[in-house]
Amino acid sequence: MVSHTQLTSAMQRAITLARRGPADDVNPQVGCVIIDDQGATVAEGFHRGSGSDHAEVNALKNLDPALNPAGLTAAITLEPCNHTGTTPPCAKTLHTAGIGTIVYGQPDVGTHSSGGATELFARGHRIIAGIESSDTAQLISDWHARTGQTRSGVIAKWAQSLDGRLAASDGTSQWITSSAARRHVHVQRAPADVIVTTTATVAADNPSLTARDTDGQLLVPPQDQPLPVIFGTGDVTQEATIHRHPALAHHGLTQTPQFSGANLASDLARLAEFTGPAPRIFVEAGPTFITALLQQQLADELLIYTAPILLGGTHHAVGDLGVSTLLEAHSYTFGGVHRLDTDLLTTLRKDH
């Protein structure tokens, strides 16, 4: 298996290639490097500007057709696009080419182009997100500013039954969703700057909140792992696993930061103190915290993993939002619906 060091090296080369593209184009600068299972480069390419082939397509054109694509890894500075514009969707092109592993630095947050990585994951490809997160973010920062896009925002995730329950009547909840859905959660953790949980979740589950692979190893290196942050006023024992999160040392911290959450919007804004402006925040918490986020309309994106089971009972995934009439409903736009083994992943974005 390709190492973190080899993936980092490939991504740095992809960044160098990306900078060969026009810096002021309507499209972002993107580079792609394809490596074999020993980490050796076998093909590379970059995007030369609007209307031309995307970086992935250019790299695939330079690939020796005699190579077995299933054993290859494509390292791309930006998540493969998932729409047809002046060129076909790169997610489909990579799938058709049979590339086994797709690694990318930054998520595509475009309204029409995002979702390529989940599409590839659903089709059986191994996905690793967030490699060289800082440098790939810097690569497209000017493009984001020009287009009014931002990678930041609060992403709330939960798993539920078909009837919106997160546990059975006796409280059992592991596991509602399939192993494929749980693997996808780790893919989604990796490109986040911060991962938020609560004192209640730490007490109940003692989570590590790292992005891990199927063997339990770090999916991305410590510098690319999301920084864990705890919300709540309860005490967190020094023995909690979260205090051993590898991102803490990278940020010069000896234990996990904690906020009361009394002023939720203000506390979320303060997370930029640790990561820099406009962080990407991934929330993994229980229904009380998720409901508070939704009540205050602080979640920009929802990832809802739904299992094909009915549970009934009182353990609702979302509590009372204070909506008394249909006119007060909180509106979201579908970003995509994907089948992950037996489950459905629904991606929703807040209407602004």
Protein backbone atom coordinates (compact mmCIF):
# COMPACT_ATOMS: atom_id res chain seq x y z
CA MET A 1 0.00 0.00 0.00
CA VAL A 2 1.21 3.50 -0.80
CA SER A 3 2.50 5.33 2.29
CA HIS A 4 1.52 8.74 3.63
CA THR A 5 4.95 10.03 2.60
CA GLN A 6 4.44 8.85 -0.98
CA LEU A 7 0.94 10.34 -1.14
CA THR A 8 2.25 13.64 0.20
CA SER A 9 5.04 13.66 -2.38
CA ALA A 10 2.60 12.91 -5.20
CA MET A 11 0.26 15.69 -4.05
CA GLN A 12 3.09 18.20 -3.85
CA ARG A 13 4.01 17.31 -7.42
CA ALA A 14 0.35 17.74 -8.42
CA ILE A 15 0.37 21.22 -6.84
CA THR A 16 3.48 22.12 -8.84
CA LEU A 17 1.80 20.94 -12.03
CA ALA A 18 -1.42 22.80 -11.21
CA ARG A 19 0.46 26.10 -11.06
CA ARG A 20 1.34 25.70 -14.73
CA GLY A 21 -2.32 26.39 -15.55
CA PRO A 22 -3.65 29.94 -15.86
CA ALA A 23 -3.95 31.68 -12.47
CA ASP A 24 -6.83 33.94 -13.48
CA ASP A 25 -9.06 31.47 -15.33
CA VAL A 26 -12.75 30.89 -14.65
CA ASN A 27 -11.73 27.35 -13.62
CA PRO A 28 -9.37 26.52 -10.74
CA GLN A 29 -5.77 25.41 -11.15
CA VAL A 30 -5.73 21.61 -10.77
CA GLY A 31 -2.97 19.02 -11.05
CA CYS A 32 -3.07 15.22 -11.13
CA VAL A 33 -0.32 12.65 -10.57
CA ILE A 34 -0.88 8.91 -11.00
CA ILE A 35 1.42 6.59 -9.07
CA ASP A 36 1.83 2.81 -8.88
CA ASP A 37 1.72 0.68 -5.74
CA GLN A 38 5.39 1.47 -5.08
CA GLY A 39 4.81 5.21 -5.20
CA ALA A 40 6.48 5.71 -8.58
CA THR A 41 4.91 8.26 -10.93
CA VAL A 42 3.45 6.66 -14.05
CA ALA A 43 1.50 9.61 -15.49
CA GLU A 44 0.68 13.24 -14.74
CA GLY A 45 -1.31 16.16 -16.09
CA PHE A 46 -2.80 19.57 -15.30
CA HIS A 47 -5.71 21.74 -16.36
CA ARG A 48 -4.72 24.26 -19.04
CA GLY A 49 -7.79 26.47 -18.70
CA SER A 50 -11.50 26.70 -19.38
CA GLY A 51 -12.73 24.49 -22.19
CA SER A 52 -9.67 22.21 -22.15
CA ASP A 53 -9.33 18.76 -20.65
CA HIS A 54 -9.29 18.56 -16.88
CA ALA A 55 -6.14 17.46 -15.07
CA GLU A 56 -7.37 13.90 -14.55
CA VAL A 57 -8.11 13.44 -18.24
CA ASN A 58 -4.70 14.80 -19.26
CA ALA A 59 -2.99 12.42 -16.83
CA LEU A 60 -4.98 9.43 -18.08
CA LYS A 61 -3.98 10.29 -21.65
CA ASN A 62 -0.35 9.92 -20.58
CA LEU A 63 -0.94 6.59 -18.84
CA ASP A 64 0.53 3.38 -20.28
CA PRO A 65 -2.50 1.24 -21.23
CA ALA A 66 -0.54 -1.90 -20.32
CA LEU A 67 -0.64 -0.99 -16.62
CA ASN A 68 -3.32 -2.48 -14.39
CA PRO A 69 -5.38 0.56 -13.34
CA ALA A 70 -6.81 -1.14 -10.23
CA GLY A 71 -3.39 -0.97 -8.58
CA LEU A 72 -2.86 2.71 -9.35
CA THR A 73 -3.54 5.82 -7.27
CA ALA A 74 -4.54 9.19 -8.70
CA ALA A 75 -3.51 12.15 -6.50
CA ILE A 76 -5.54 15.22 -7.49
CA THR A 77 -5.39 18.67 -5.89
CA LEU A 78 -9.20 19.09 -6.13
CA GLU A 79 -12.00 16.53 -5.76
CA PRO A 80 -12.98 15.13 -9.20
CA CYS A 81 -15.94 17.00 -10.63
CA ASN A 82 -19.31 15.28 -10.92
CA HIS A 83 -21.07 17.19 -13.68
CA THR A 84 -21.01 17.68 -17.42
CA GLY A 85 -19.96 21.16 -18.48
CA THR A 86 -17.74 21.82 -21.46
CA THR A 87 -16.06 18.52 -20.54
CA PRO A 88 -17.44 15.22 -19.14
CA PRO A 89 -17.45 14.55 -15.37
CA CYS A 90 -14.01 13.48 -14.14
CA ALA A 91 -15.56 11.13 -11.56
CA LYS A 92 -17.07 9.09 -14.39
CA THR A 93 -13.84 9.22 -16.39
CA LEU A 94 -11.78 7.90 -13.47
CA HIS A 95 -14.31 5.14 -12.82
CA THR A 96 -14.33 4.09 -16.47
CA ALA A 97 -10.52 4.07 -16.48
CA GLY A 98 -10.61 1.74 -13.44
CA ILE A 99 -8.19 3.68 -11.22
CA GLY A 100 -8.31 1.88 -7.87
CA THR A 101 -7.59 4.69 -5.41
CA ILE A 102 -8.51 8.35 -5.67
CA VAL A 103 -6.73 10.84 -3.40
CA TYR A 104 -7.60 14.54 -3.36
CA GLY A 105 -6.58 17.59 -1.40
CA GLN A 106 -9.62 19.85 -1.40
CA PRO A 107 -13.36 19.15 -1.62
CA ASP A 108 -15.25 20.53 -4.60
CA VAL A 109 -17.92 22.79 -3.09
CA GLY A 110 -19.56 23.79 -6.37
CA THR A 111 -23.35 23.60 -6.43
CA HIS A 112 -23.36 21.49 -9.60
CA SER A 113 -19.89 19.95 -9.64
CA SER A 114 -19.51 18.51 -6.12
CA GLY A 115 -20.05 14.91 -5.03
CA GLY A 116 -17.52 13.23 -7.31
CA ALA A 117 -15.68 11.50 -4.48
CA THR A 118 -18.85 10.03 -3.02
CA GLU A 119 -19.89 8.86 -6.48
CA LEU A 120 -16.55 7.07 -6.83
CA PHE A 121 -16.77 5.66 -3.28
CA ALA A 122 -20.24 4.29 -4.02
CA ARG A 123 -18.81 2.61 -7.12
CA GLY A 124 -16.17 0.77 -5.12
CA HIS A 125 -13.09 2.97 -5.36
CA ARG A 126 -10.87 3.64 -2.36
CA ILE A 127 -11.05 7.34 -1.49
CA ILE A 128 -8.65 9.41 0.62
CA ALA A 129 -9.43 13.09 1.11
CA GLY A 130 -7.47 15.95 2.65
CA ILE A 131 -3.88 15.04 1.77
CA GLU A 132 -1.79 18.25 1.90
CA SER A 133 -4.93 20.08 2.93
CA SER A 134 -3.23 23.38 3.76
CA ASP A 135 -1.22 23.68 0.54
CA THR A 136 -4.07 22.59 -1.73
CA ALA A 137 -6.37 25.08 -0.02
CA GLN A 138 -3.84 27.83 -0.66
CA LEU A 139 -3.60 26.76 -4.30
CA ILE A 140 -7.25 27.60 -4.99
CA SER A 141 -7.80 30.36 -2.43
CA ASP A 142 -7.67 33.12 -5.06
CA TRP A 143 -10.09 31.20 -7.28
CA HIS A 144 -12.50 30.78 -4.37
CA ALA A 145 -12.31 34.52 -3.72
CA ARG A 146 -12.93 35.38 -7.39
CA THR A 147 -15.92 33.05 -7.69
CA GLY A 148 -17.45 33.79 -4.28
CA GLN A 149 -17.10 30.16 -3.21
CA THR A 150 -15.82 28.99 0.14
CA ARG A 151 -14.74 25.61 1.48
CA SER A 152 -15.78 26.67 4.98
CA GLY A 153 -18.99 25.91 6.81
CA VAL A 154 -20.56 23.62 9.38
CA ILE A 155 -21.31 20.08 8.25
CA ALA A 156 -23.65 18.08 10.50
CA LYS A 157 -23.65 14.30 10.18
CA TRP A 158 -25.88 11.65 11.68
CA ALA A 159 -27.05 8.09 11.09
CA GLN A 160 -30.70 7.13 11.42
CA SER A 161 -33.34 4.54 10.69
CA LEU A 162 -35.86 4.98 7.90
CA ASP A 163 -38.26 6.56 10.39
CA GLY A 164 -35.70 9.00 11.74
CA ARG A 165 -34.59 7.18 14.91
CA LEU A 166 -30.97 6.89 16.04
CA ALA A 167 -31.50 4.06 18.51
CA ALA A 168 -33.95 1.36 19.47
CA SER A 169 -36.18 1.73 22.55
CA ASP A 170 -33.53 0.09 24.77
CA GLY A 171 -30.91 2.58 23.58
CA THR A 172 -28.93 0.22 21.35
CA SER A 173 -27.55 1.98 18.28
CA GLN A 174 -24.39 0.16 17.13
CA TRP A 175 -24.61 -0.27 14.31
CA ILE A 176 -27.65 1.23 12.57
CA THR A 177 -25.82 1.71 9.28
CA SER A 178 -23.50 -0.54 7.30
CA SER A 179 -19.71 -0.72 7.39
CA ALA A 180 -19.64 1.07 4.02
CA ALA A 181 -21.45 4.06 5.52
CA ARG A 182 -19.07 4.10 8.47
CA ARG A 183 -16.06 4.00 6.13
CA HIS A 184 -17.50 6.94 4.23
CA VAL A 185 -17.74 8.97 7.45
CA HIS A 186 -13.97 8.65 7.85
CA VAL A 187 -13.47 9.89 4.28
CA GLN A 188 -15.63 12.90 5.15
CA ARG A 189 -13.74 13.62 8.37
CA ALA A 190 -10.36 13.93 6.66
CA PRO A 191 -10.81 17.18 4.66
CA ALA A 192 -12.32 19.01 7.64
CA ASP A 193 -10.25 21.52 9.63
CA VAL A 194 -12.14 20.85 12.86
CA ILE A 195 -14.21 17.92 14.13
CA VAL A 196 -16.70 18.84 16.84
CA THR A 197 -18.27 16.59 19.45
CA THR A 198 -19.78 17.06 22.91
CA THR A 199 -18.99 16.16 26.50
CA ALA A 200 -21.98 13.81 26.44
CA THR A 201 -20.67 11.94 23.39
CA VAL A 202 -17.18 11.66 24.88
CA ALA A 203 -18.64 10.28 28.12
CA ALA A 204 -20.88 7.79 26.33
CA ASP A 205 -18.65 6.61 23.47
CA ASN A 206 -15.05 7.74 24.23
CA PRO A 207 -14.41 8.37 20.50
CA SER A 208 -10.99 9.01 18.97
CA LEU A 209 -12.46 11.13 16.12
CA THR A 210 -9.53 10.44 13.82
CA ALA A 211 -9.96 9.74 10.12
CA ARG A 212 -8.97 6.08 9.81
CA ASP A 213 -8.81 3.36 7.18
CA THR A 214 -10.36 -0.12 7.39
CA ASP A 215 -7.31 -1.41 9.31
CA GLY A 216 -7.68 1.26 11.97
CA GLN A 217 -4.63 3.18 10.77
CA LEU A 218 -4.66 6.92 10.14
CA LEU A 219 -6.21 7.62 6.76
CA VAL A 220 -4.24 10.86 6.43
CA PRO A 221 -1.12 11.99 8.36
CA PRO A 222 -1.42 13.98 11.63
CA GLN A 223 -0.98 17.37 9.95
CA ASP A 224 -4.00 16.63 7.73
CA GLN A 225 -6.23 15.21 10.47
CA PRO A 226 -9.09 17.46 11.71
CA LEU A 227 -8.54 19.17 15.04
CA PRO A 228 -10.96 17.77 17.67
CA VAL A 229 -12.96 20.25 19.75
CA ILE A 230 -15.43 19.49 22.56
CA PHE A 231 -18.59 21.48 23.29
CA GLY A 232 -20.36 21.34 26.63
CA THR A 233 -19.86 22.19 30.28
CA GLY A 234 -19.34 18.67 31.63
CA ASP A 235 -15.95 17.44 32.81
CA VAL A 236 -13.89 15.36 30.39
CA THR A 237 -11.51 12.90 32.01
CA GLN A 238 -7.82 13.24 31.17
CA GLU A 239 -7.88 9.56 30.18
CA ALA A 240 -10.34 10.23 27.33
CA THR A 241 -9.08 8.93 24.00
CA ILE A 242 -9.81 12.24 22.31
CA HIS A 243 -6.91 13.86 24.22
CA ARG A 244 -4.53 11.56 22.29
CA HIS A 245 -5.74 12.79 18.90
CA PRO A 246 -2.65 13.24 16.65
CA ALA A 247 -3.79 16.65 15.37
CA LEU A 248 -3.41 18.20 18.84
CA ALA A 249 0.39 18.11 18.81
CA HIS A 250 0.43 19.51 15.28
CA HIS A 251 -1.48 22.53 16.59
CA GLY A 252 0.76 22.84 19.65
CA LEU A 253 -1.95 21.65 22.07
CA THR A 254 -1.66 19.19 24.93
CA GLN A 255 -5.37 18.52 25.30
CA THR A 256 -8.58 18.97 23.36
CA PRO A 257 -10.02 22.51 23.36
CA GLN A 258 -13.41 22.83 25.03
CA PHE A 259 -16.17 25.43 24.64
CA SER A 260 -19.33 25.75 26.69
CA GLY A 261 -21.60 26.20 23.68
CA ALA A 262 -23.69 28.71 25.62
CA ASN A 263 -23.41 31.01 22.61
CA LEU A 264 -23.17 28.45 19.87
CA ALA A 265 -22.65 30.79 16.92
CA SER A 266 -19.95 32.74 18.75
CA ASP A 267 -18.13 29.61 19.91
CA LEU A 268 -18.17 28.12 16.42
CA ALA A 269 -16.73 31.36 15.05
CA ARG A 270 -13.91 31.16 17.61
CA LEU A 271 -12.68 27.90 16.09
CA ALA A 272 -10.88 30.03 13.51
CA GLU A 273 -8.43 30.91 16.30
CA PHE A 274 -6.99 27.41 15.93
CA THR A 275 -7.15 26.88 12.18
CA GLY A 276 -7.17 30.26 10.47
CA PRO A 277 -10.10 32.03 8.79
CA ALA A 278 -13.23 30.22 7.62
CA PRO A 279 -12.65 26.67 8.86
CA ARG A 280 -14.45 23.62 7.57
CA ILE A 281 -16.21 22.17 10.64
CA PHE A 282 -17.46 18.57 10.80
CA VAL A 283 -19.93 17.81 13.59
CA GLU A 284 -20.34 14.35 15.12
CA ALA A 285 -22.57 14.63 18.16
CA GLY A 286 -25.84 13.50 19.67
CA PRO A 287 -29.35 14.76 18.93
CA THR A 288 -29.34 17.55 21.53
CA PHE A 289 -26.37 19.31 19.94
CA ILE A 290 -27.48 18.57 16.37
CA THR A 291 -30.93 19.93 17.16
CA ALA A 292 -29.42 23.11 18.63
CA LEU A 293 -27.40 23.60 15.45
CA LEU A 294 -30.49 23.16 13.33
CA GLN A 295 -32.67 25.36 15.54
CA GLN A 296 -30.22 28.23 15.06
CA GLN A 297 -29.73 27.35 11.38
CA LEU A 298 -25.96 27.08 11.85
CA ALA A 299 -25.49 23.92 9.76
CA ASP A 300 -24.55 24.70 6.16
CA GLU A 301 -24.58 21.07 5.02
CA LEU A 302 -26.21 17.87 6.26
CA LEU A 303 -24.94 14.34 5.72
CA ILE A 304 -27.71 11.91 6.65
CA TYR A 305 -26.96 8.18 6.53
CA THR A 306 -30.26 6.27 6.47
CA ALA A 307 -30.55 2.53 7.06
CA PRO A 308 -33.51 0.55 5.63
CA ILE A 309 -34.91 -0.34 9.06
CA LEU A 310 -37.82 0.89 11.18
CA LEU A 311 -37.33 1.37 14.92
CA GLY A 312 -40.12 3.56 16.25
CA GLY A 313 -39.82 4.79 19.81
CA THR A 314 -38.63 8.03 21.31
CA HIS A 315 -34.98 8.22 20.21
CA HIS A 316 -35.46 10.77 17.44
CA ALA A 317 -32.43 11.85 15.42
CA VAL A 318 -33.65 15.46 15.48
CA GLY A 319 -35.66 17.10 18.25
CA ASP A 320 -38.09 20.00 18.27
CA LEU A 321 -36.91 22.81 15.99
CA GLY A 322 -39.56 25.27 17.11
CA VAL A 323 -41.35 25.02 13.76
CA SER A 324 -45.06 25.55 14.39
CA THR A 325 -46.25 25.89 10.79
CA LEU A 326 -45.11 24.77 7.38
CA LEU A 327 -44.20 28.34 6.50
CA GLU A 328 -41.48 28.20 9.17
CA ALA A 329 -39.86 25.04 7.80
CA HIS A 330 -36.09 25.06 7.36
CA SER A 331 -35.32 24.61 3.68
CA TYR A 332 -32.42 22.69 2.16
CA THR A 333 -31.37 21.79 -1.36
CA PHE A 334 -30.44 18.25 -2.38
CA GLY A 335 -26.73 17.96 -3.10
CA GLY A 336 -26.99 14.27 -3.91
CA VAL A 337 -28.35 10.88 -2.93
CA HIS A 338 -26.03 7.86 -3.04
CA ARG A 339 -26.48 4.24 -2.13
CA LEU A 340 -23.72 2.93 0.15
CA ASP A 341 -24.20 -0.82 0.39
CA THR A 342 -27.63 -1.17 2.06
CA ASP A 343 -27.89 2.48 3.13
CA LEU A 344 -28.67 5.81 1.53
CA LEU A 345 -26.52 8.90 2.00
CA THR A 346 -28.42 12.14 1.49
CA THR A 347 -26.40 15.34 1.15
CA LEU A 348 -28.32 18.55 1.76
CA ARG A 349 -27.18 22.18 1.59
CA LYS A 350 -28.84 25.08 3.34
CA ASP A 351 -30.77 27.51 1.17
CA HIS A 352 -29.25 30.95 1.65
